C-alpha cells in the first residue's frame, strides 16, 4: 500500500477502533483458553491499541506441540524453499507497513 489520499483516509477511519487478536496455532486462530483478555500497550504514548486472549499453560503447550509437529517436514525442505517462504512473509509485512505505522491507538 502506498501513501495515497485513499489509503490514508482508509487508515484514518480505522484509528481508534479497538482490535482483538488471537493466537495462530497449528493453522487456526485460538483465543488463549482463559476467557480473559489483556490489553496491548504502546508504552511510549501510554495508550492501549488492541486486546488479545490471555495465554494459559494449555495455549503454550499447544504452541510448542504444533512447532514440534511441524519441524520434521519443515527441516526436510530445501534452503531455497525456506528462503522463498521467508521472503513471502517479508513481502506481506512490507505491504502492510502503513498499518503497522498506525499502531499507536
N, C-alpha and C. Protein backbone atom coordinates (compact mmCIF):
# COMPACT_ATOMS: atom_id res chain seq x y z
N UNK A 1 0.85 -1.17 0.00
CA UNK A 1 0.00 0.00 0.00
C UNK A 1 0.89 1.23 0.00
N UNK A 2 0.63 2.14 -0.92
CA UNK A 2 1.39 3.38 -0.95
C UNK A 2 0.56 4.47 -0.27
N UNK A 3 1.22 5.53 0.10
CA UNK A 3 0.54 6.60 0.82
C UNK A 3 -0.18 7.49 -0.19
N UNK A 4 -1.44 7.19 -0.42
CA UNK A 4 -2.30 7.99 -1.27
C UNK A 4 -3.40 8.58 -0.40
N UNK A 5 -4.15 9.49 -0.97
CA UNK A 5 -5.26 10.07 -0.21
C UNK A 5 -6.23 8.98 0.22
N UNK A 6 -6.55 8.07 -0.69
CA UNK A 6 -7.49 7.00 -0.38
C UNK A 6 -6.95 6.09 0.72
N UNK A 7 -5.67 5.74 0.61
CA UNK A 7 -5.06 4.86 1.60
C UNK A 7 -5.01 5.53 2.97
N UNK A 8 -4.64 6.81 3.00
CA UNK A 8 -4.56 7.49 4.29
C UNK A 8 -5.95 7.69 4.88
N UNK A 9 -6.96 7.93 4.04
CA UNK A 9 -8.32 8.06 4.54
C UNK A 9 -8.82 6.74 5.12
N UNK A 10 -8.50 5.65 4.43
CA UNK A 10 -8.90 4.33 4.90
C UNK A 10 -8.25 4.03 6.25
N UNK A 11 -6.95 4.30 6.36
CA UNK A 11 -6.26 4.06 7.62
C UNK A 11 -6.80 4.96 8.72
N UNK A 12 -7.07 6.21 8.40
CA UNK A 12 -7.58 7.14 9.40
C UNK A 12 -8.93 6.68 9.93
N UNK A 13 -9.73 6.07 9.08
CA UNK A 13 -11.05 5.62 9.52
C UNK A 13 -10.96 4.48 10.53
N UNK A 14 -9.83 3.76 10.54
CA UNK A 14 -9.68 2.66 11.48
C UNK A 14 -9.01 3.08 12.78
N UNK A 15 -8.45 4.27 12.82
CA UNK A 15 -7.80 4.72 14.05
C UNK A 15 -8.83 4.81 15.16
N UNK A 16 -8.46 4.34 16.31
CA UNK A 16 -9.35 4.36 17.44
C UNK A 16 -10.22 3.12 17.56
N UNK A 17 -10.29 2.31 16.51
CA UNK A 17 -11.04 1.07 16.59
C UNK A 17 -10.21 0.07 17.40
N UNK A 18 -10.80 -0.45 18.45
CA UNK A 18 -10.10 -1.47 19.23
C UNK A 18 -10.13 -2.78 18.47
N UNK A 19 -9.00 -3.40 18.34
CA UNK A 19 -8.92 -4.67 17.65
C UNK A 19 -8.64 -5.76 18.68
N UNK A 20 -9.10 -6.96 18.39
CA UNK A 20 -8.81 -8.10 19.25
C UNK A 20 -8.06 -9.13 18.43
N UNK A 21 -6.94 -9.55 18.96
CA UNK A 21 -6.10 -10.53 18.27
C UNK A 21 -6.11 -11.84 19.04
N UNK A 22 -6.08 -12.93 18.29
CA UNK A 22 -5.98 -14.25 18.89
C UNK A 22 -4.56 -14.77 18.77
N UNK A 23 -4.43 -16.07 18.86
CA UNK A 23 -3.14 -16.73 18.75
C UNK A 23 -3.24 -17.73 17.60
N UNK A 24 -2.32 -17.65 16.66
CA UNK A 24 -2.34 -18.51 15.48
C UNK A 24 -1.51 -19.75 15.80
N UNK A 25 -2.20 -20.86 16.02
CA UNK A 25 -1.54 -22.10 16.42
C UNK A 25 -2.00 -23.21 15.50
N UNK A 26 -1.05 -23.88 14.85
CA UNK A 26 -1.35 -25.03 14.01
C UNK A 26 -2.36 -24.70 12.92
N UNK A 27 -2.23 -23.50 12.36
CA UNK A 27 -3.09 -23.11 11.24
C UNK A 27 -4.46 -22.60 11.63
N UNK A 28 -4.71 -22.38 12.92
CA UNK A 28 -6.01 -21.90 13.37
C UNK A 28 -5.84 -20.77 14.38
N UNK A 29 -6.82 -19.88 14.42
CA UNK A 29 -6.83 -18.82 15.43
C UNK A 29 -7.51 -19.35 16.67
N UNK A 30 -6.86 -19.21 17.82
CA UNK A 30 -7.45 -19.60 19.09
C UNK A 30 -7.43 -18.40 20.03
N UNK A 31 -8.28 -18.43 21.04
CA UNK A 31 -8.45 -17.25 21.89
C UNK A 31 -7.56 -17.21 23.13
N UNK A 32 -6.85 -18.24 23.43
CA UNK A 32 -5.99 -18.23 24.61
C UNK A 32 -6.51 -19.10 25.74
N UNK A 33 -7.74 -19.57 25.65
CA UNK A 33 -8.35 -20.53 26.56
C UNK A 33 -8.71 -20.02 27.95
N UNK A 34 -8.32 -18.84 28.32
CA UNK A 34 -8.60 -18.38 29.69
C UNK A 34 -9.95 -17.69 29.81
N UNK A 35 -10.49 -17.25 28.67
CA UNK A 35 -11.73 -16.48 28.72
C UNK A 35 -11.48 -15.03 29.13
N UNK A 36 -10.21 -14.67 29.32
CA UNK A 36 -9.85 -13.31 29.71
C UNK A 36 -9.01 -12.68 28.61
N UNK A 37 -9.02 -11.36 28.58
CA UNK A 37 -8.22 -10.63 27.60
C UNK A 37 -7.22 -9.74 28.31
N UNK A 38 -6.14 -9.43 27.60
CA UNK A 38 -5.16 -8.48 28.09
C UNK A 38 -5.08 -7.34 27.09
N UNK A 39 -4.78 -6.16 27.59
CA UNK A 39 -4.60 -5.00 26.71
C UNK A 39 -3.16 -4.98 26.20
N UNK A 40 -3.01 -4.64 24.94
CA UNK A 40 -1.69 -4.48 24.35
C UNK A 40 -1.39 -2.99 24.31
N UNK A 41 -0.30 -2.61 24.94
CA UNK A 41 0.03 -1.20 25.14
C UNK A 41 1.16 -0.72 24.27
N UNK A 42 1.03 0.53 23.86
CA UNK A 42 2.13 1.25 23.23
C UNK A 42 2.70 2.13 24.33
N UNK A 43 3.76 1.69 24.96
CA UNK A 43 4.29 2.38 26.14
C UNK A 43 4.75 3.81 25.88
N UNK A 44 5.39 4.11 24.75
CA UNK A 44 5.84 5.50 24.57
C UNK A 44 4.72 6.53 24.63
N UNK A 45 3.52 6.16 24.19
CA UNK A 45 2.42 7.13 24.25
C UNK A 45 1.38 6.75 25.30
N UNK A 46 1.68 5.72 26.09
CA UNK A 46 0.80 5.27 27.17
C UNK A 46 -0.64 5.09 26.70
N UNK A 47 -0.79 4.24 25.68
CA UNK A 47 -2.11 4.03 25.10
C UNK A 47 -2.28 2.56 24.72
N UNK A 48 -3.47 2.03 24.96
CA UNK A 48 -3.80 0.66 24.55
C UNK A 48 -4.24 0.69 23.10
N UNK A 49 -3.74 -0.26 22.28
CA UNK A 49 -4.12 -0.26 20.87
C UNK A 49 -4.87 -1.52 20.46
N UNK A 50 -4.93 -2.54 21.32
CA UNK A 50 -5.65 -3.77 20.98
C UNK A 50 -5.76 -4.63 22.22
N UNK A 51 -6.49 -5.73 22.08
CA UNK A 51 -6.56 -6.73 23.14
C UNK A 51 -6.22 -8.09 22.54
N UNK A 52 -5.84 -9.01 23.40
CA UNK A 52 -5.52 -10.37 22.98
C UNK A 52 -5.98 -11.32 24.07
N UNK A 53 -6.36 -12.53 23.68
CA UNK A 53 -6.75 -13.52 24.67
C UNK A 53 -5.56 -13.87 25.56
N UNK A 54 -5.80 -13.92 26.86
CA UNK A 54 -4.74 -14.25 27.81
C UNK A 54 -4.31 -15.70 27.61
N UNK A 55 -3.01 -15.91 27.55
CA UNK A 55 -2.45 -17.24 27.32
C UNK A 55 -2.51 -18.05 28.61
N UNK A 56 -2.78 -19.34 28.46
CA UNK A 56 -2.77 -20.27 29.58
C UNK A 56 -1.70 -21.32 29.32
N UNK A 57 -1.39 -22.17 30.30
CA UNK A 57 -0.45 -23.26 30.04
C UNK A 57 -0.89 -24.15 28.87
N UNK A 58 -2.21 -24.34 28.70
CA UNK A 58 -2.70 -25.13 27.57
C UNK A 58 -2.34 -24.48 26.24
N UNK A 59 -2.50 -23.17 26.15
CA UNK A 59 -2.14 -22.45 24.92
C UNK A 59 -0.65 -22.61 24.63
N UNK A 60 0.17 -22.47 25.66
CA UNK A 60 1.62 -22.61 25.49
C UNK A 60 1.98 -24.02 25.05
N UNK A 61 1.35 -25.01 25.65
CA UNK A 61 1.61 -26.41 25.28
C UNK A 61 1.22 -26.65 23.83
N UNK A 62 0.10 -26.09 23.40
CA UNK A 62 -0.33 -26.24 22.01
C UNK A 62 0.68 -25.62 21.06
N UNK A 63 1.22 -24.47 21.41
CA UNK A 63 2.22 -23.80 20.56
C UNK A 63 3.45 -24.67 20.40
N UNK A 64 3.95 -25.16 21.51
CA UNK A 64 5.17 -25.98 21.49
C UNK A 64 4.91 -27.26 20.70
N UNK A 65 3.76 -27.90 20.91
CA UNK A 65 3.45 -29.15 20.20
C UNK A 65 3.30 -28.92 18.70
N UNK A 66 2.64 -27.82 18.33
CA UNK A 66 2.47 -27.51 16.90
C UNK A 66 3.83 -27.30 16.23
N UNK A 67 4.73 -26.60 16.92
CA UNK A 67 6.08 -26.37 16.37
C UNK A 67 6.84 -27.69 16.25
N UNK A 68 6.75 -28.53 17.27
CA UNK A 68 7.44 -29.83 17.24
C UNK A 68 6.89 -30.71 16.13
N UNK A 69 5.57 -30.68 15.92
CA UNK A 69 4.95 -31.49 14.86
C UNK A 69 5.34 -31.00 13.48
N UNK A 70 5.49 -29.68 13.31
CA UNK A 70 5.81 -29.10 12.00
C UNK A 70 7.29 -29.20 11.66
N UNK A 71 8.15 -29.28 12.65
CA UNK A 71 9.59 -29.22 12.40
C UNK A 71 10.12 -30.31 11.48
N UNK A 72 9.75 -31.58 11.63
CA UNK A 72 10.33 -32.59 10.72
C UNK A 72 10.09 -32.29 9.24
N UNK A 73 8.87 -31.93 8.89
CA UNK A 73 8.57 -31.63 7.48
C UNK A 73 9.30 -30.37 7.03
N UNK A 74 9.31 -29.34 7.87
CA UNK A 74 9.99 -28.09 7.54
C UNK A 74 11.48 -28.32 7.35
N UNK A 75 12.08 -29.11 8.21
CA UNK A 75 13.53 -29.33 8.14
C UNK A 75 13.93 -30.15 6.91
N UNK A 76 12.99 -30.87 6.31
CA UNK A 76 13.29 -31.64 5.10
C UNK A 76 13.17 -30.80 3.83
N UNK A 77 12.65 -29.59 3.95
CA UNK A 77 12.55 -28.73 2.76
C UNK A 77 13.92 -28.14 2.47
N UNK A 78 14.09 -27.72 1.24
CA UNK A 78 15.38 -27.15 0.84
C UNK A 78 15.56 -25.75 1.42
N UNK A 79 16.79 -25.35 1.52
CA UNK A 79 17.08 -23.99 1.98
C UNK A 79 16.46 -22.96 1.03
N UNK A 80 16.45 -23.26 -0.26
CA UNK A 80 15.85 -22.36 -1.24
C UNK A 80 14.35 -22.19 -0.99
N UNK A 81 13.66 -23.29 -0.67
CA UNK A 81 12.23 -23.22 -0.37
C UNK A 81 11.99 -22.39 0.88
N UNK A 82 12.74 -22.64 1.93
CA UNK A 82 12.57 -21.89 3.18
C UNK A 82 12.85 -20.41 2.96
N UNK A 83 13.86 -20.11 2.14
CA UNK A 83 14.17 -18.72 1.81
C UNK A 83 12.98 -18.07 1.11
N UNK A 84 12.36 -18.79 0.19
CA UNK A 84 11.22 -18.26 -0.54
C UNK A 84 10.05 -17.97 0.41
N UNK A 85 9.78 -18.88 1.33
CA UNK A 85 8.70 -18.68 2.30
C UNK A 85 8.97 -17.43 3.14
N UNK A 86 10.20 -17.30 3.62
CA UNK A 86 10.54 -16.13 4.44
C UNK A 86 10.46 -14.83 3.64
N UNK A 87 10.84 -14.89 2.37
CA UNK A 87 10.72 -13.69 1.53
C UNK A 87 9.25 -13.32 1.31
N UNK A 88 8.39 -14.32 1.16
CA UNK A 88 6.96 -14.04 1.01
C UNK A 88 6.39 -13.38 2.27
N UNK A 89 6.82 -13.87 3.43
CA UNK A 89 6.38 -13.27 4.69
C UNK A 89 6.85 -11.82 4.77
N UNK A 90 8.12 -11.59 4.42
CA UNK A 90 8.66 -10.23 4.44
C UNK A 90 7.89 -9.32 3.49
N UNK A 91 7.53 -9.82 2.32
CA UNK A 91 6.77 -9.01 1.36
C UNK A 91 5.41 -8.63 1.93
N UNK A 92 4.75 -9.56 2.60
CA UNK A 92 3.45 -9.26 3.20
C UNK A 92 3.58 -8.22 4.32
N UNK A 93 4.65 -8.31 5.09
CA UNK A 93 4.89 -7.31 6.13
C UNK A 93 5.12 -5.93 5.50
N UNK A 94 5.89 -5.89 4.41
CA UNK A 94 6.14 -4.60 3.74
C UNK A 94 4.85 -4.03 3.16
N UNK A 95 3.96 -4.89 2.64
CA UNK A 95 2.69 -4.42 2.09
C UNK A 95 1.86 -3.70 3.15
N UNK A 96 2.01 -4.09 4.40
CA UNK A 96 1.19 -3.53 5.48
C UNK A 96 1.97 -2.53 6.33
N UNK A 97 3.06 -1.99 5.82
CA UNK A 97 3.89 -1.10 6.65
C UNK A 97 3.11 0.10 7.19
N UNK A 98 2.17 0.61 6.42
CA UNK A 98 1.39 1.75 6.92
C UNK A 98 0.45 1.33 8.05
N UNK A 99 -0.08 0.11 7.97
CA UNK A 99 -0.90 -0.38 9.07
C UNK A 99 -0.10 -0.43 10.36
N UNK A 100 1.11 -0.95 10.25
CA UNK A 100 1.96 -1.07 11.44
C UNK A 100 2.37 0.32 11.96
N UNK A 101 2.58 1.25 11.06
CA UNK A 101 2.94 2.59 11.47
C UNK A 101 1.80 3.26 12.25
N UNK A 102 0.57 2.86 11.97
CA UNK A 102 -0.58 3.46 12.64
C UNK A 102 -0.93 2.74 13.93
N UNK A 103 -0.19 1.74 14.33
CA UNK A 103 -0.49 1.01 15.56
C UNK A 103 -0.12 1.82 16.78
N UNK A 104 -0.69 2.96 16.90
CA UNK A 104 -0.41 3.77 18.07
C UNK A 104 -1.67 4.06 18.85
N UNK A 105 -2.80 3.54 18.41
CA UNK A 105 -4.07 3.84 19.09
C UNK A 105 -4.40 2.84 20.16
